[in-house]
Protein backbone atom coordinates (compact mmCIF):
# COMPACT_ATOMS: atom_id res chain seq x y z
CA UNK A 1 65.74 -27.40 -18.51
CA UNK A 2 68.75 -25.66 -20.54
CA UNK A 3 69.48 -24.33 -23.96
CA UNK A 4 72.55 -25.01 -26.38
CA UNK A 5 73.33 -23.45 -29.28
CA UNK A 6 75.54 -25.55 -31.40
CA UNK A 7 77.19 -24.08 -34.61
CA UNK A 8 79.79 -25.56 -37.09
CA UNK A 9 79.40 -27.60 -40.56
CA UNK A 10 76.69 -30.38 -40.11
CA UNK A 11 76.00 -29.10 -36.64
CA UNK A 12 72.27 -31.12 -36.38
CA UNK A 13 74.64 -33.94 -36.51
CA UNK A 14 75.26 -33.05 -32.89
CA UNK A 15 71.81 -34.19 -32.10
CA UNK A 16 72.56 -37.71 -33.07
CA UNK A 17 75.59 -37.93 -31.29
CA UNK A 18 74.21 -36.68 -28.25
CA UNK A 19 70.73 -39.17 -28.44
CA UNK A 20 73.31 -41.52 -29.09
CA UNK A 21 75.00 -41.13 -25.91
CA UNK A 22 72.11 -41.48 -24.19
CA UNK A 23 71.09 -37.85 -23.40
CA UNK A 24 67.30 -36.61 -23.40
CA UNK A 25 66.33 -34.02 -25.83
CA UNK A 26 63.48 -31.88 -25.37
CA UNK A 27 63.64 -30.16 -27.92
CA UNK A 28 65.58 -28.97 -31.11
CA UNK A 29 65.56 -26.57 -33.90
CA UNK A 30 67.46 -25.13 -36.97
CA UNK A 31 69.15 -21.55 -36.51
CA UNK A 32 70.20 -19.43 -38.89
CA UNK A 33 73.51 -20.06 -40.33
CA UNK A 34 73.34 -23.65 -39.90
CA UNK A 35 73.30 -24.24 -36.35
CA UNK A 36 71.05 -25.74 -33.76
CA UNK A 37 69.56 -25.14 -30.70
CA UNK A 38 68.82 -27.88 -28.03
CA UNK A 39 67.39 -28.06 -25.18
CA UNK A 40 68.09 -30.85 -22.10
CA UNK A 41 67.47 -31.33 -18.86
CA UNK A 42 69.74 -29.00 -16.36
CA UNK A 43 71.07 -32.11 -14.45
CA UNK A 44 72.80 -32.92 -17.73
CA UNK A 45 74.51 -29.85 -18.99
CA UNK A 46 78.00 -30.78 -17.63
CA UNK A 47 77.98 -34.60 -19.55
CA UNK A 48 76.69 -32.34 -23.00
CA UNK A 49 79.80 -29.83 -22.21
CA UNK A 50 81.92 -33.24 -22.02
CA UNK A 51 80.53 -35.16 -24.77
CA UNK A 52 80.82 -32.30 -27.31
CA UNK A 53 84.12 -30.76 -26.07
CA UNK A 54 86.93 -31.53 -28.86
CA UNK A 55 84.42 -31.89 -31.28
CA UNK A 56 83.98 -29.89 -34.73
CA UNK A 57 80.80 -28.36 -33.35
CA UNK A 58 80.88 -24.87 -31.17
CA UNK A 59 78.97 -24.31 -28.15
CA UNK A 60 77.95 -20.86 -28.75
CA UNK A 61 75.38 -19.94 -25.77
CA UNK A 62 74.53 -22.06 -23.15
CA UNK A 63 71.29 -20.19 -21.35
CA UNK A 64 68.59 -21.85 -18.46
CA UNK A 65 65.36 -22.29 -20.25
CA UNK A 66 61.86 -22.36 -19.14
CA UNK A 67 61.82 -23.66 -15.19
CA UNK A 68 65.66 -23.68 -15.07
CA UNK A 69 65.60 -19.55 -15.75
CA UNK A 70 62.88 -19.10 -13.70
CA UNK A 71 64.18 -20.74 -10.52
CA UNK A 72 67.90 -18.83 -11.47
CA UNK A 73 65.79 -15.45 -11.32
CA UNK A 74 64.63 -17.41 -7.71
CA UNK A 75 67.84 -17.58 -6.05
CA UNK A 76 68.60 -13.98 -6.48
CA UNK A 77 65.82 -13.07 -4.69
CA UNK A 78 65.26 -12.32 -0.72
CA UNK A 79 62.75 -13.30 1.48
CA UNK A 80 60.75 -16.16 -0.09
CA UNK A 81 58.10 -17.20 1.75
CA UNK A 82 57.17 -21.30 2.95
CA UNK A 83 53.54 -20.67 1.14
CA UNK A 84 55.91 -20.07 -2.20
CA UNK A 85 57.99 -23.06 -1.94
CA UNK A 86 55.03 -24.83 -1.54
CA UNK A 87 53.23 -23.22 -4.43
CA UNK A 88 56.43 -24.12 -6.30
CA UNK A 89 56.19 -27.77 -4.92
CA UNK A 90 52.77 -27.91 -6.78
CA UNK A 91 53.93 -26.21 -10.16
CA UNK A 92 56.49 -28.88 -10.75
CA UNK A 93 54.71 -31.30 -10.03
CA UNK A 94 51.78 -29.84 -12.81
CA UNK A 95 54.34 -29.38 -15.04
CA UNK A 96 55.08 -33.06 -15.24
CA UNK A 97 51.88 -33.92 -16.26
CA UNK A 98 50.36 -33.69 -19.20
CA UNK A 99 46.76 -31.57 -18.62
CA UNK A 100 46.38 -30.03 -21.97
CA UNK A 101 47.87 -31.14 -25.99
CA UNK A 102 47.65 -28.31 -28.38
CA UNK A 103 48.51 -29.58 -32.22
CA UNK A 104 49.89 -26.49 -33.54
CA UNK A 105 51.30 -25.74 -37.25
CA UNK A 106 49.89 -26.33 -40.77
CA UNK A 107 49.41 -29.96 -40.22
CA UNK A 108 46.90 -28.99 -36.90
CA UNK A 109 44.42 -30.37 -39.35
CA UNK A 110 45.64 -33.47 -38.58
CA UNK A 111 45.37 -33.42 -34.90
CA UNK A 112 42.86 -36.74 -34.66
CA UNK A 113 46.18 -38.79 -36.08
CA UNK A 114 48.25 -37.06 -34.23
CA UNK A 115 46.07 -37.58 -30.84
CA UNK A 116 45.73 -41.25 -31.95
CA UNK A 117 49.47 -41.65 -32.19
CA UNK A 118 49.70 -39.85 -28.37
CA UNK A 119 47.24 -42.47 -27.44
CA UNK A 120 49.13 -45.03 -28.87
CA UNK A 121 52.63 -44.39 -26.51
CA UNK A 122 50.22 -44.11 -23.35
CA UNK A 123 50.15 -40.18 -23.83
CA UNK A 124 46.90 -39.21 -22.15
CA UNK A 125 45.55 -36.60 -19.33
CA UNK A 126 47.25 -36.33 -16.09
CA UNK A 127 49.81 -39.01 -17.53
CA UNK A 128 53.91 -38.33 -17.44
CA UNK A 129 55.30 -35.69 -20.56
CA UNK A 130 56.90 -37.87 -22.69
CA UNK A 131 60.36 -38.13 -24.42
CA UNK A 132 60.19 -35.83 -27.75
CA UNK A 133 62.20 -38.48 -29.64
CA UNK A 134 59.63 -41.49 -28.69
CA UNK A 135 56.68 -39.54 -30.61
CA UNK A 136 58.51 -37.83 -33.23
CA UNK A 137 59.39 -40.79 -35.85
CA UNK A 138 55.95 -42.32 -35.48
CA UNK A 139 54.32 -38.47 -36.20
CA UNK A 140 56.88 -37.80 -39.31
CA UNK A 141 54.90 -40.78 -40.54
CA UNK A 142 51.89 -39.68 -41.52
CA UNK A 143 50.99 -38.50 -44.76
CA UNK A 144 52.66 -35.19 -45.77
CA UNK A 145 54.53 -34.53 -42.26
CA UNK A 146 57.53 -33.01 -43.00
CA UNK A 147 58.51 -31.21 -39.68
CA UNK A 148 58.04 -31.80 -36.51
CA UNK A 149 58.26 -31.11 -32.89
CA UNK A 150 57.49 -32.38 -29.45
CA UNK A 151 57.70 -29.37 -25.99
CA UNK A 152 56.01 -30.73 -22.85
CA UNK A 153 55.67 -26.81 -20.74
CA UNK A 154 53.42 -26.11 -18.04
CA UNK A 155 51.43 -28.86 -18.32
CA UNK A 156 50.80 -28.07 -21.65
CA UNK A 157 51.90 -30.68 -24.39
CA UNK A 158 52.49 -28.79 -27.90
CA UNK A 159 53.22 -30.62 -30.60
CA UNK A 160 54.00 -28.62 -33.74
CA UNK A 161 53.31 -30.25 -37.27
CA UNK A 162 54.27 -28.82 -40.90
CA UNK A 163 53.06 -30.28 -43.99
CA UNK A 164 54.14 -29.94 -47.39
CA UNK A 165 54.21 -32.03 -51.04
CA UNK A 166 57.31 -32.70 -52.62
CA UNK A 167 57.81 -32.36 -55.91
CA UNK A 168 59.32 -35.22 -56.33
CA UNK A 169 61.30 -37.88 -54.12
CA UNK A 170 65.11 -37.59 -52.36
CA UNK A 171 67.42 -39.05 -54.36
CA UNK A 172 69.31 -41.86 -52.75
CA UNK A 173 72.42 -41.68 -54.40
CA UNK A 174 75.68 -39.76 -53.33
CA UNK A 175 77.04 -37.00 -54.40
CA UNK A 176 79.58 -36.71 -57.12
CA UNK A 177 82.38 -34.07 -58.65
CA UNK A 178 81.01 -32.49 -61.74
CA UNK A 179 84.54 -31.14 -62.82
CA UNK A 180 87.49 -32.09 -62.45
CA UNK A 181 88.77 -29.13 -60.60
CA UNK A 182 89.54 -27.37 -56.89
CA UNK A 183 87.05 -28.23 -54.28
CA UNK A 184 86.22 -24.22 -53.61
CA UNK A 185 83.09 -24.75 -51.35
CA UNK A 186 81.47 -28.09 -49.64
CA UNK A 187 78.35 -28.01 -47.80
CA UNK A 188 77.08 -30.95 -46.52
CA UNK A 189 73.70 -31.40 -44.51
CA UNK A 190 73.91 -34.80 -44.14
CA UNK A 191 75.37 -37.69 -45.50
CA UNK A 192 79.47 -38.56 -45.01
CA UNK A 193 82.04 -36.02 -47.18
CA UNK A 194 85.15 -38.11 -48.53
CA UNK A 195 86.82 -34.72 -48.80
CA UNK A 196 87.70 -31.17 -48.28
CA UNK A 197 88.24 -27.53 -49.29
CA UNK A 198 91.31 -27.34 -51.48
CA UNK A 199 91.45 -31.00 -52.49
CA UNK A 200 91.42 -32.07 -56.14
CA UNK A 201 88.95 -34.15 -57.66
CA UNK A 202 88.48 -35.83 -60.29
CA UNK A 203 85.11 -35.46 -62.71
CA UNK A 204 82.61 -38.26 -61.39
CA UNK A 205 84.81 -38.56 -58.46
CA UNK A 206 82.68 -39.21 -54.98
CA UNK A 207 82.10 -36.37 -52.75
CA UNK A 208 79.90 -37.28 -50.21
CA UNK A 209 78.86 -40.47 -49.73
CA UNK A 210 74.83 -41.66 -49.17
CA UNK A 211 75.91 -42.97 -45.14
CA UNK A 212 76.61 -41.55 -42.02
CA UNK A 213 79.44 -43.14 -38.97
CA UNK A 214 78.33 -44.27 -36.07
CA UNK A 215 81.74 -45.46 -34.65
CA UNK A 216 82.75 -47.81 -37.08
CA UNK A 217 79.50 -48.90 -38.30
CA UNK A 218 78.07 -47.15 -41.89
CA UNK A 219 74.39 -46.46 -41.58
CA UNK A 220 72.29 -45.51 -44.82
CA UNK A 221 71.09 -42.37 -45.45
CA UNK A 222 69.98 -39.50 -48.01
CA UNK A 223 72.69 -37.69 -49.20
CA UNK A 224 72.02 -33.26 -48.84
CA UNK A 225 75.17 -31.51 -49.99
CA UNK A 226 76.47 -29.16 -52.44
CA UNK A 227 79.77 -28.34 -53.93
CA UNK A 228 81.61 -25.88 -55.97
CA UNK A 229 84.44 -27.05 -58.14
CA UNK A 230 86.78 -24.46 -59.59
CA UNK A 231 88.86 -25.67 -62.56
CA UNK A 232 91.16 -23.68 -65.31
CA UNK A 233 89.79 -23.54 -69.08
CA UNK A 234 91.90 -22.64 -72.07
CA UNK A 235 90.60 -22.67 -74.95
CA UNK A 236 91.09 -20.73 -78.63
CA UNK A 237 88.81 -19.39 -81.44
CA UNK A 238 88.90 -18.59 -84.70
CA UNK A 239 87.17 -15.46 -83.81
CA UNK A 240 87.46 -11.55 -83.09
CA UNK A 241 88.35 -11.16 -79.25
CA UNK A 242 84.78 -10.24 -78.50
CA UNK A 243 83.39 -13.46 -80.35
CA UNK A 244 85.80 -15.58 -78.54
CA UNK A 245 84.64 -14.19 -75.40
CA UNK A 246 81.42 -14.94 -76.55
CA UNK A 247 81.61 -18.35 -77.29
CA UNK A 248 83.78 -19.20 -74.14
CA UNK A 249 80.83 -17.81 -71.61
CA UNK A 250 77.83 -20.05 -73.60
CA UNK A 251 80.81 -22.91 -72.75
CA UNK A 252 81.76 -22.60 -69.60
CA UNK A 253 79.91 -20.05 -68.19
CA UNK A 254 81.18 -16.80 -66.03
CA UNK A 255 85.24 -16.98 -66.49
CA UNK A 256 87.18 -15.62 -63.57
CA UNK A 257 90.56 -14.03 -63.76
CA UNK A 258 90.09 -14.00 -67.47
CA UNK A 259 92.81 -13.23 -69.73
CA UNK A 260 93.25 -13.01 -73.42
CA UNK A 261 96.05 -13.65 -76.00
CA UNK A 262 95.70 -13.16 -79.98
CA UNK A 263 96.74 -15.83 -81.88
CA UNK A 264 97.84 -17.46 -85.62
CA UNK A 265 94.26 -18.31 -86.20
CA UNK A 266 92.19 -16.21 -83.47
CA UNK A 267 92.05 -15.14 -79.98
CA UNK A 268 92.71 -18.13 -76.65
CA UNK A 269 90.93 -17.97 -73.81
CA UNK A 270 92.10 -18.42 -70.41
CA UNK A 271 90.79 -18.03 -66.66
CA UNK A 272 89.05 -19.93 -64.06
CA UNK A 273 85.29 -21.10 -64.34
CA UNK A 274 83.35 -23.40 -61.82
CA UNK A 275 80.72 -25.82 -61.84
CA UNK A 276 78.35 -27.31 -59.14
CA UNK A 277 76.54 -29.88 -57.86
CA UNK A 278 74.05 -30.90 -55.58
CA UNK A 279 72.31 -33.72 -54.42
CA UNK A 280 68.59 -32.72 -52.77
CA UNK A 281 70.07 -29.38 -51.85
CA UNK A 282 67.20 -27.05 -52.01
């Protein structure tokens, strides 16, 4: 088994790409700074490099994991005995079979339902280790389940289930610009971005579309994204300078590069303001 640490904008979408290319994923988890760590069989290591080469995803680390790491250390050892080789063969066989099932996480109380899902997919004692992607969708459909992972190692099939209650259902709309101005920040976890940082957009313009692209095909998806728009302000107030600043703050929020000018009627406030729009983001 080999682990890849992948970075880049929307790095989690690399998982979808690898699955479409027929790569078997043993596990996938998010890492800090919007990255993702995936584990694949060691024999597809070169294919993963080929698929991700030239994309927007960066392979930060590639390292052996599980049995592969053990074997890497074993290659450096000297004087391995035949008995050790036979023992290793037995270990390999045992690790390829389900000897025990463990259900962990805040959703551990759903163990009977999880075991029922495993049984429906032919997973039982001494059966072959299942492919995680065949089980995860069914487990995610259980009540209150928001996250799950499936990992088989050392003959133990570990199913991690996390549950929670959403305060409101996720919205299925696209993300639109909250103001006319320049895109200063754009974070897209799900959905298809239609603009990039530095672009000028109109108020109400579609920023992130509620679909994912698979080649030339579009697949509906829920948008998870945030945009920050910078726009200039210039307004005159028939007030003293401090009163004009306060009124501008109440209307526009914090103003960057603030500049005040005395006018015949009062004071003109100029600067740069920001508007933020989100869709199912945090």
